Amino acid sequence: MIYARNLIKICVVLMVLALLAVAMAACGSSTDTTASTAPSAAASASSSPTDLNGYTGPDAQYLTKLTEPTLKSGFSFKVGYLTPFAGIVTLETIKNACKAETEKQGGTFISYDAGLDVQKQVSQMQQLISQKVDLIYAYPVTEASLSKPIQQAADAGIPVVLLNTPPDSSRINEVLGAASLNVGTAFDQADYETIKYIADNYPGAKVGIIGHAPPAESLVWIIERELYWCEQLGLDMVAKVDAVDPTPNAATVATQSILAKAPEVQFILGYNDISTLGAVAAVKAAGKTDVLCATPNGGQDITAMGIKAGTVLCTYNLAWVENGTQAAYAGYSILTNQNQPLPIQVELTGTLATKDNVDQLTFLH
């Protein structure tokens, strides 16, 4: 099978992907930032997409990108980075991009992996506070898990930049707390673009949706908005079956159930690359050559291969690298008093991948 080697390689590492809040990447001396010079007009600017393709969802008002701040000669600083789980390729991509940009800026980068353990991540946050870092990048295991430690950091004069928290942009004021801002992925806009592409090319198409039984904040949001945009854009949702866990096999079983309940189904929507891989396996095993798969939560080459093979119609290639880079822009801007006032939410768009452009796009391995 075309995907067999990829499935074996990633299945174990990514089994916990859906448990994350998604969706679901040394010491230094700090200088006084109050004396920082004023940024140039160009450095203070941010950009927003001018064409939203008809999108009016909750991400719309936050779709923006920060301009790279001006680097200050001799400025040294130390940051901490909290990741929920280092074994997930997309999360490591975000962290590594943030690390690369921080080091380019002249900073020292300390990172801790929570291994999906809420209490461990709380202890790691407190450790960073005791290490007197100048700023903390936090990707919480769950939305609520770091609210008190973030306040403790703020009380100690340490700003916190959140990553992908919350996945629902309309809840930013509820969730932000003492953090400075959130730099995240526009999951709802990705849902919209993916489902609009299906609706534009196959009006009124019959769609089956793979849900996810275990609680996962980002995946709950992604699946909820799949249902919403299918209804809004005139697609016929004929079946929804939850995968019992985040493995490809669970998605395969869920897809088999969808095919049995709704043999007329034309598209299967997965909640990420892994579930889409499982859906493709089920569709192929059933001999359903007229059923295609898609996902709004993509970025890995396993789904790109499906587009090339003709089993996947499209995937939304999310901006994982830019997520980390933009977080570093925000952090440096805070420390050097640039790009002020910063928005409380920066939501990043990616690119819809189809057979027409898949060869021109870069995917994660």
Protein backbone atom coordinates (compact mmCIF):
# COMPACT_ATOMS: atom_id res chain seq x y z
CA MET A 1 0.00 0.00 0.00
CA ILE A 2 1.32 3.42 -0.94
CA TYR A 3 1.09 4.72 2.65
CA ALA A 4 2.25 1.65 4.59
CA ARG A 5 5.78 2.76 5.41
CA ASN A 6 4.64 6.26 6.43
CA LEU A 7 1.86 4.85 8.64
CA ILE A 8 4.26 2.60 10.55
CA LYS A 9 6.79 5.39 11.01
CA ILE A 10 4.42 7.98 12.40
CA CYS A 11 1.67 6.00 14.09
CA VAL A 12 3.43 5.44 17.43
CA VAL A 13 4.90 8.92 17.67
CA LEU A 14 1.66 10.68 16.89
CA MET A 15 -0.82 8.55 18.84
CA VAL A 16 -1.21 11.32 21.37
CA LEU A 17 -1.73 14.10 18.83
CA ALA A 18 -5.42 14.54 19.62
CA LEU A 19 -4.80 14.88 23.37
CA LEU A 20 -3.32 18.29 22.92
CA ALA A 21 -5.18 21.53 23.30
CA VAL A 22 -4.04 22.02 18.88
CA ALA A 23 -5.84 21.48 16.24
CA MET A 24 -4.67 18.58 17.92
CA ALA A 25 8.56 23.19 17.54
CA ALA A 26 21.93 28.45 29.62
CA CYS A 27 21.84 31.87 30.91
CA GLY A 28 22.16 35.33 29.46
CA SER A 29 22.11 38.82 30.85
CA SER A 30 19.14 41.10 30.31
CA THR A 31 19.52 44.73 29.48
CA ASP A 32 17.13 47.51 30.46
CA THR A 33 14.37 47.60 27.83
CA THR A 34 12.92 50.92 28.92
CA ALA A 35 15.71 52.74 27.13
CA SER A 36 15.08 51.04 23.80
CA THR A 37 15.02 53.31 20.80
CA ALA A 38 11.71 53.88 19.02
CA PRO A 39 11.07 51.48 16.12
CA SER A 40 10.90 52.67 12.56
CA ALA A 41 7.53 53.07 10.89
CA ALA A 42 8.16 49.93 8.85
CA ALA A 43 8.96 47.88 11.94
CA SER A 44 5.78 49.04 13.65
CA ALA A 45 3.56 47.79 10.87
CA SER A 46 1.70 44.53 10.59
CA SER A 47 -0.07 43.10 7.58
CA SER A 48 -3.49 41.55 7.12
CA PRO A 49 -4.81 39.58 4.13
CA THR A 50 -6.86 41.75 1.81
CA ASP A 51 -8.84 38.90 0.21
CA LEU A 52 -10.61 36.62 2.69
CA ASN A 53 -12.43 34.68 -0.07
CA GLY A 54 -15.77 35.43 1.58
CA TYR A 55 -14.67 34.26 5.02
CA THR A 56 -16.47 36.01 7.91
CA GLY A 57 -15.82 33.63 10.81
CA PRO A 58 -14.24 34.41 14.21
CA ASP A 59 -10.66 34.34 12.85
CA ALA A 60 -11.37 37.14 10.36
CA GLN A 61 -10.59 40.06 12.68
CA TYR A 62 -7.33 38.48 13.82
CA LEU A 63 -5.84 37.37 10.50
CA THR A 64 -2.60 39.33 10.57
CA LYS A 65 1.17 38.99 10.51
CA LEU A 66 3.70 40.93 12.55
CA THR A 67 6.51 42.66 10.75
CA GLU A 68 9.99 41.50 11.72
CA PRO A 69 11.27 43.80 14.48
CA THR A 70 14.49 45.76 14.15
CA LEU A 71 17.41 43.97 15.80
CA LYS A 72 19.27 45.99 18.43
CA SER A 73 23.02 45.68 18.59
CA GLY A 74 24.31 44.36 21.92
CA PHE A 75 20.86 43.44 23.27
CA SER A 76 20.99 40.10 25.09
CA PHE A 77 18.09 38.20 26.60
CA LYS A 78 16.98 34.75 27.72
CA VAL A 79 13.66 33.08 26.93
CA GLY A 80 11.95 29.89 28.03
CA TYR A 81 9.76 27.71 25.82
CA LEU A 82 7.16 25.21 27.04
CA THR A 83 5.96 22.56 24.61
CA PRO A 84 3.22 20.05 25.46
CA PHE A 85 4.90 17.10 23.71
CA ALA A 86 8.15 16.99 21.75
CA GLY A 87 7.22 13.82 19.87
CA ILE A 88 4.78 15.56 17.52
CA VAL A 89 6.31 16.87 14.31
CA THR A 90 4.11 19.96 14.03
CA LEU A 91 4.81 21.04 17.61
CA GLU A 92 8.54 20.52 17.19
CA THR A 93 8.38 22.53 13.97
CA ILE A 94 6.84 25.48 15.83
CA LYS A 95 9.40 25.23 18.64
CA ASN A 96 12.39 24.90 16.32
CA ALA A 97 11.27 27.89 14.24
CA CYS A 98 10.91 29.99 17.41
CA LYS A 99 14.34 28.82 18.60
CA ALA A 100 16.00 29.65 15.29
CA GLU A 101 14.53 33.16 15.23
CA THR A 102 15.38 33.77 18.90
CA GLU A 103 19.01 32.83 18.33
CA LYS A 104 19.08 35.03 15.23
CA GLN A 105 17.88 37.86 17.48
CA GLY A 106 20.78 37.22 19.86
CA GLY A 107 18.79 35.46 22.58
CA THR A 108 19.35 32.33 24.65
CA PHE A 109 16.65 29.69 24.26
CA ILE A 110 15.67 27.22 27.01
CA SER A 111 12.98 24.64 26.26
CA TYR A 112 11.08 22.08 28.32
CA ASP A 113 8.83 19.23 27.20
CA ALA A 114 5.80 18.42 29.36
CA GLY A 115 5.17 15.02 27.81
CA LEU A 116 1.43 15.83 28.01
CA ASP A 117 1.68 16.01 31.80
CA VAL A 118 -0.19 19.09 33.10
CA GLN A 119 1.51 19.12 36.50
CA LYS A 120 4.92 18.67 34.92
CA GLN A 121 4.31 21.67 32.71
CA VAL A 122 3.23 23.77 35.70
CA SER A 123 6.52 22.85 37.43
CA GLN A 124 8.43 23.73 34.27
CA MET A 125 6.81 27.16 34.17
CA GLN A 126 7.74 27.77 37.78
CA GLN A 127 11.28 26.63 37.03
CA LEU A 128 11.55 29.19 34.23
CA ILE A 129 10.30 31.88 36.60
CA SER A 130 12.97 30.91 39.13
CA GLN A 131 15.59 31.01 36.36
CA LYS A 132 14.56 34.62 35.78
CA VAL A 133 14.10 34.35 32.07
CA ASP A 134 13.10 37.54 30.31
CA LEU A 135 10.10 36.06 28.47
CA ILE A 136 8.24 32.75 28.21
CA TYR A 137 6.65 31.14 25.16
CA ALA A 138 3.93 28.77 26.38
CA TYR A 139 2.04 26.11 24.43
CA PRO A 140 -0.19 24.76 27.23
CA VAL A 141 -1.23 21.12 27.49
CA THR A 142 -4.75 22.47 28.13
CA GLU A 143 -6.16 25.99 28.04
CA ALA A 144 -6.67 26.23 31.80
CA SER A 145 -3.55 24.44 32.97
CA LEU A 146 -1.18 27.40 32.98
CA SER A 147 -3.50 30.27 33.90
CA LYS A 148 -2.16 30.60 37.47
CA PRO A 149 1.53 30.12 36.54
CA ILE A 150 1.12 32.72 33.79
CA GLN A 151 -0.15 35.15 36.41
CA GLN A 152 2.84 34.25 38.59
CA ALA A 153 5.15 35.02 35.68
CA ALA A 154 3.41 38.34 35.08
CA ASP A 155 3.74 39.20 38.78
CA ALA A 156 7.47 38.51 38.45
CA GLY A 157 7.67 40.89 35.48
CA ILE A 158 8.04 38.11 32.90
CA PRO A 159 5.76 38.48 29.84
CA VAL A 160 4.19 35.34 28.36
CA VAL A 161 3.39 34.72 24.70
CA LEU A 162 0.84 31.93 24.15
CA LEU A 163 0.85 29.58 21.17
CA ASN A 164 -2.41 28.27 19.65
CA THR A 165 -4.39 29.00 22.82
CA PRO A 166 -7.34 29.17 22.40
CA PRO A 167 -8.11 27.47 19.07
CA ASP A 168 -11.40 29.42 18.95
CA SER A 169 -10.47 33.07 18.31
CA SER A 170 -13.76 34.34 19.69
CA ARG A 171 -12.64 33.21 23.17
CA ILE A 172 -9.33 35.09 23.29
CA ASN A 173 -10.49 37.61 25.90
CA GLU A 174 -11.75 34.78 28.08
CA VAL A 175 -8.54 32.75 27.86
CA LEU A 176 -5.71 35.29 27.55
CA GLY A 177 -5.54 36.18 31.24
CA ALA A 178 -2.18 37.68 32.21
CA ALA A 179 -0.49 36.62 28.97
CA SER A 180 0.53 39.32 26.49
CA LEU A 181 -0.93 37.78 23.33
CA ASN A 182 -1.58 34.54 21.47
CA VAL A 183 0.09 33.62 18.20
CA GLY A 184 -1.91 30.84 16.62
CA THR A 185 -3.24 28.98 13.64
CA ALA A 186 -6.46 30.10 11.99
CA PHE A 187 -8.18 26.72 12.28
CA ASP A 188 -11.64 28.04 11.46
CA GLN A 189 -10.45 29.84 8.37
CA ALA A 190 -8.71 26.60 7.29
CA ASP A 191 -12.01 24.74 7.78
CA TYR A 192 -13.79 27.33 5.65
CA GLU A 193 -11.27 27.26 2.78
CA THR A 194 -11.22 23.46 2.66
CA ILE A 195 -14.98 23.02 2.70
CA LYS A 196 -15.55 25.91 0.30
CA TYR A 197 -13.24 24.22 -2.20
CA ILE A 198 -15.34 21.06 -1.99
CA ALA A 199 -18.59 23.04 -2.24
CA ASP A 200 -17.38 25.09 -5.21
CA ASN A 201 -16.29 22.01 -7.15
CA TYR A 202 -18.96 19.57 -5.97
CA PRO A 203 -22.07 21.59 -4.99
CA GLY A 204 -24.31 19.78 -2.55
CA ALA A 205 -21.85 16.92 -2.12
CA LYS A 206 -22.53 14.27 0.51
CA VAL A 207 -19.89 14.38 3.27
CA GLY A 208 -18.94 12.06 6.10
CA ILE A 209 -16.98 13.45 9.06
CA ILE A 210 -14.55 11.59 11.29
CA GLY A 211 -15.03 12.86 14.84
CA HIS A 212 -12.79 12.25 17.82
CA ALA A 213 -13.99 10.62 21.04
CA PRO A 214 -11.24 11.64 23.51
CA PRO A 215 -11.42 15.31 24.60
CA ALA A 216 -9.02 17.58 22.74
CA GLU A 217 -9.70 21.31 22.61
CA SER A 218 -8.28 22.06 19.18
CA LEU A 219 -9.82 18.99 17.55
CA VAL A 220 -13.20 19.66 19.14
CA TRP A 221 -13.13 23.11 17.55
CA ILE A 222 -11.95 21.89 14.14
CA ILE A 223 -14.65 19.20 13.96
CA GLU A 224 -17.35 21.56 15.23
CA ARG A 225 -16.51 24.05 12.51
CA GLU A 226 -16.41 21.36 9.84
CA LEU A 227 -20.04 20.69 10.69
CA TYR A 228 -20.85 24.40 10.69
CA TRP A 229 -19.24 25.22 7.35
CA CYS A 230 -20.71 22.14 5.65
CA GLU A 231 -24.16 23.44 6.57
CA GLN A 232 -23.37 27.04 5.65
CA LEU A 233 -21.87 26.15 2.28
CA GLY A 234 -24.60 23.74 1.23
CA LEU A 235 -22.91 20.37 1.68
CA ASP A 236 -24.94 17.41 2.90
CA MET A 237 -23.41 15.88 6.04
CA VAL A 238 -24.72 12.32 5.85
CA ALA A 239 -22.76 10.67 8.68
CA LYS A 240 -20.41 11.49 11.54
CA VAL A 241 -18.57 8.75 13.41
CA ASP A 242 -16.01 9.30 16.17
CA ALA A 243 -12.60 7.68 16.12
CA VAL A 244 -12.03 6.07 19.53
CA ASP A 245 -8.40 7.20 19.70
CA PRO A 246 -5.95 9.26 17.60
CA THR A 247 -4.43 6.37 15.64
CA PRO A 248 -4.85 5.84 11.89
CA ASN A 249 -6.48 2.48 12.66
CA ALA A 250 -9.23 4.18 14.70
CA ALA A 251 -9.88 6.56 11.80
CA THR A 252 -10.02 3.57 9.44
CA VAL A 253 -12.66 1.91 11.62
CA ALA A 254 -14.65 5.16 11.83
CA THR A 255 -14.54 5.53 8.05
CA GLN A 256 -15.71 1.94 7.58
CA SER A 257 -18.71 2.79 9.74
CA ILE A 258 -19.41 5.93 7.70
CA LEU A 259 -19.30 3.93 4.46
CA ALA A 260 -21.70 1.36 5.92
CA LYS A 261 -24.15 3.94 7.28
CA ALA A 262 -24.05 6.21 4.24
CA PRO A 263 -22.93 4.33 1.11
CA GLU A 264 -23.83 7.40 -0.92
CA VAL A 265 -21.06 9.47 0.75
CA GLN A 266 -18.70 11.26 -1.64
CA PHE A 267 -16.15 12.84 0.70
CA ILE A 268 -14.61 11.89 4.05
CA LEU A 269 -13.32 14.77 6.18
CA GLY A 270 -10.52 13.89 8.59
CA TYR A 271 -9.53 16.07 11.54
CA ASN A 272 -5.79 15.92 10.72
CA ASP A 273 -3.26 14.19 8.46
CA ILE A 274 -3.28 10.97 10.47
CA SER A 275 -7.05 10.52 10.45
CA THR A 276 -7.09 11.28 6.73
CA LEU A 277 -4.48 8.57 6.20
CA GLY A 278 -6.77 6.12 8.01
CA ALA A 279 -9.75 7.26 5.94
CA VAL A 280 -7.85 6.70 2.69
CA ALA A 281 -6.98 3.16 3.82
CA ALA A 282 -10.64 2.35 4.53
CA VAL A 283 -11.88 3.84 1.26
CA LYS A 284 -9.29 1.93 -0.74
CA ALA A 285 -10.03 -1.36 1.06
CA ALA A 286 -13.74 -0.89 0.31
CA GLY A 287 -13.03 -0.34 -3.38
CA LYS A 288 -14.76 3.05 -3.27
CA THR A 289 -12.89 4.75 -6.10
CA ASP A 290 -15.52 7.50 -6.22
CA VAL A 291 -14.96 8.60 -2.59
CA LEU A 292 -12.27 11.20 -1.86
CA CYS A 293 -10.79 12.40 1.43
CA ALA A 294 -9.76 15.85 2.68
CA THR A 295 -8.63 17.63 5.84
CA PRO A 296 -8.48 21.27 6.96
CA ASN A 297 -5.77 20.47 9.54
CA GLY A 298 -2.81 19.41 7.42
CA GLY A 299 0.82 20.03 6.69
CA GLN A 300 2.49 16.62 6.47
CA ASP A 301 3.71 14.96 3.30
CA ILE A 302 1.56 11.85 3.88
CA THR A 303 -1.49 13.85 2.84
CA ALA A 304 0.34 15.54 -0.02
CA MET A 305 1.11 12.08 -1.39
CA GLY A 306 -2.61 11.33 -1.27
CA ILE A 307 -3.34 14.38 -3.43
CA LYS A 308 -0.76 13.24 -5.96
CA ALA A 309 -2.20 9.71 -5.92
CA GLY A 310 -5.76 11.01 -6.45
CA THR A 311 -7.17 9.68 -3.15
CA VAL A 312 -7.20 13.06 -1.37
CA LEU A 313 -8.95 16.04 -2.94
CA CYS A 314 -7.28 18.72 -0.84
CA THR A 315 -5.62 19.57 2.45
CA TYR A 316 -5.03 22.87 4.18
CA ASN A 317 -1.27 23.24 4.60
CA LEU A 318 -1.06 25.15 7.87
CA ALA A 319 1.69 27.68 8.66
CA TRP A 320 3.55 25.70 11.34
CA VAL A 321 6.98 27.26 10.73
CA GLU A 322 5.55 30.77 10.59
CA ASN A 323 3.74 30.10 13.87
CA GLY A 324 7.09 29.83 15.65
CA THR A 325 8.72 32.68 13.77
CA GLN A 326 5.84 35.06 14.43
CA ALA A 327 5.87 34.16 18.13
CA ALA A 328 9.56 35.13 18.23
CA TYR A 329 8.73 38.41 16.47
CA ALA A 330 6.14 39.10 19.16
CA GLY A 331 8.51 38.22 21.99
CA TYR A 332 11.35 40.38 20.73
CA SER A 333 8.94 43.24 20.06
CA ILE A 334 7.76 43.06 23.68
CA LEU A 335 11.30 43.01 25.06
CA THR A 336 12.46 45.91 22.89
CA ASN A 337 9.22 47.91 22.91
CA GLN A 338 8.59 47.61 19.18
CA ASN A 339 5.43 47.10 17.12
CA GLN A 340 3.38 48.63 19.91
CA PRO A 341 0.58 48.16 20.60
CA LEU A 342 0.69 44.49 19.70
CA PRO A 343 -2.61 42.78 18.91
CA ILE A 344 -3.89 40.36 21.54
CA GLN A 345 -4.28 37.69 18.86
CA VAL A 346 -2.31 36.87 15.73
CA GLU A 347 -3.98 34.21 13.57
CA LEU A 348 -1.93 32.81 10.70
CA THR A 349 -3.25 31.44 7.43
CA GLY A 350 -1.69 28.69 5.35
CA THR A 351 -2.35 27.50 1.81
CA LEU A 352 -4.98 25.17 0.44
CA ALA A 353 -3.16 22.33 -1.30
CA THR A 354 -4.79 20.77 -4.34
CA LYS A 355 -3.59 18.81 -7.37
CA ASP A 356 -2.91 22.17 -9.07
CA ASN A 357 -0.31 23.43 -6.57
CA VAL A 358 0.76 20.48 -4.41
CA ASP A 359 4.14 20.18 -6.14
CA GLN A 360 4.95 23.82 -5.39
CA LEU A 361 4.30 23.59 -1.63
CA THR A 362 6.54 22.43 1.20
CA PHE A 363 5.24 19.82 3.64
CA LEU A 364 6.53 18.42 6.91
CA HIS A 365 8.05 14.93 6.96
